[in-house]
Amino acid sequence: QKDLAKFLGNLTNIFDPDYFVLGGGMSNAPEILKDLRAHVEAHCFIPGAAPKIYKNVLGDSAGVIGAALLSVNNPS
């Protein structure tokens, strides 16, 4: 969690995002998300600038769903 918080803090300092959406295998470990925003804020240059952090909704199926929608929306 420390390395993830440092990474997200650095991304926040560079890009100033409104939020992060974490997915894949990481989203299946709730202990990683616990207090992550507070840890990210410790690595931000501006106090209170930590973006919101969300867990994905579609789970590991997001890529498959996106590919299926792409083929439906762009038939050959």
Protein backbone atom coordinates (compact mmCIF):
# COMPACT_ATOMS: atom_id res chain seq x y z
CA GLN A 1 0.00 0.00 0.00
CA LYS A 2 2.90 2.37 0.69
CA ASP A 3 4.29 2.07 -2.82
CA LEU A 4 0.82 2.43 -4.36
CA ALA A 5 0.15 5.54 -2.27
CA LYS A 6 3.49 7.04 -3.30
CA PHE A 7 2.79 6.26 -6.97
CA LEU A 8 -0.71 7.76 -6.87
CA GLY A 9 0.63 10.77 -4.97
CA ASN A 10 3.22 11.36 -7.69
CA LEU A 11 0.57 11.03 -10.41
CA THR A 12 -1.57 13.52 -8.50
CA ASN A 13 1.30 16.01 -8.33
CA ILE A 14 1.89 15.71 -12.08
CA PHE A 15 -1.64 15.45 -13.54
CA ASP A 16 -3.99 16.76 -10.79
CA PRO A 17 -6.74 14.16 -11.42
CA ASP A 18 -10.20 14.34 -9.85
CA TYR A 19 -10.24 10.62 -9.09
CA PHE A 20 -8.57 7.25 -9.64
CA VAL A 21 -10.43 4.04 -10.47
CA LEU A 22 -8.57 0.94 -9.35
CA GLY A 23 -9.35 -2.31 -11.08
CA GLY A 24 -8.07 -5.74 -11.94
CA GLY A 25 -6.73 -7.98 -9.22
CA MET A 26 -6.05 -4.96 -7.03
CA SER A 27 -9.76 -4.28 -6.68
CA ASN A 28 -10.28 -7.72 -5.14
CA ALA A 29 -8.16 -6.84 -2.08
CA PRO A 30 -10.18 -4.50 0.15
CA GLU A 31 -7.26 -4.05 2.57
CA ILE A 32 -5.38 -2.15 -0.16
CA LEU A 33 -8.18 0.40 -0.49
CA LYS A 34 -8.51 0.92 3.26
CA ASP A 35 -7.21 4.42 4.15
CA LEU A 36 -5.45 4.65 0.77
CA ARG A 37 -6.61 8.22 0.16
CA ALA A 38 -5.07 9.39 3.44
CA HIS A 39 -1.78 7.74 2.50
CA VAL A 40 -1.88 9.33 -0.97
CA GLU A 41 -2.45 12.74 0.58
CA ALA A 42 0.80 12.36 2.50
CA HIS A 43 2.63 12.35 -0.86
CA CYS A 44 0.77 15.32 -2.41
CA PHE A 45 2.43 18.73 -2.60
CA ILE A 46 -0.84 20.54 -1.88
CA PRO A 47 -2.59 19.59 1.37
CA GLY A 48 -6.10 18.30 0.74
CA ALA A 49 -5.39 17.68 -2.94
CA ALA A 50 -5.69 13.89 -2.82
CA PRO A 51 -8.20 12.73 -5.43
CA LYS A 52 -11.05 10.38 -4.65
CA ILE A 53 -10.29 6.70 -5.11
CA TYR A 54 -12.96 4.33 -6.41
CA LYS A 55 -13.12 0.59 -6.86
CA ASN A 56 -14.19 -0.53 -10.33
CA VAL A 57 -17.76 -1.72 -10.83
CA LEU A 58 -17.32 -4.27 -13.61
CA GLY A 59 -14.60 -6.32 -11.95
CA ASP A 60 -12.24 -8.40 -14.07
CA SER A 61 -14.76 -8.49 -16.93
CA ALA A 62 -14.31 -4.86 -18.03
CA GLY A 63 -12.01 -5.72 -20.94
CA VAL A 64 -14.30 -8.44 -22.26
CA ILE A 65 -17.36 -6.20 -21.98
CA GLY A 66 -15.51 -3.36 -23.76
CA ALA A 67 -14.45 -5.67 -26.60
CA ALA A 68 -18.00 -6.97 -27.01
CA LEU A 69 -19.42 -3.43 -27.11
CA LEU A 70 -16.80 -2.42 -29.65
CA SER A 71 -17.86 -5.21 -32.00
CA VAL A 72 -21.55 -4.36 -31.54
CA ASN A 73 -21.04 -0.62 -32.13
CA ASN A 74 -18.69 -1.08 -35.12
CA PRO A 75 -19.93 -4.03 -37.17
CA SER A 76 -17.70 -4.99 -40.10
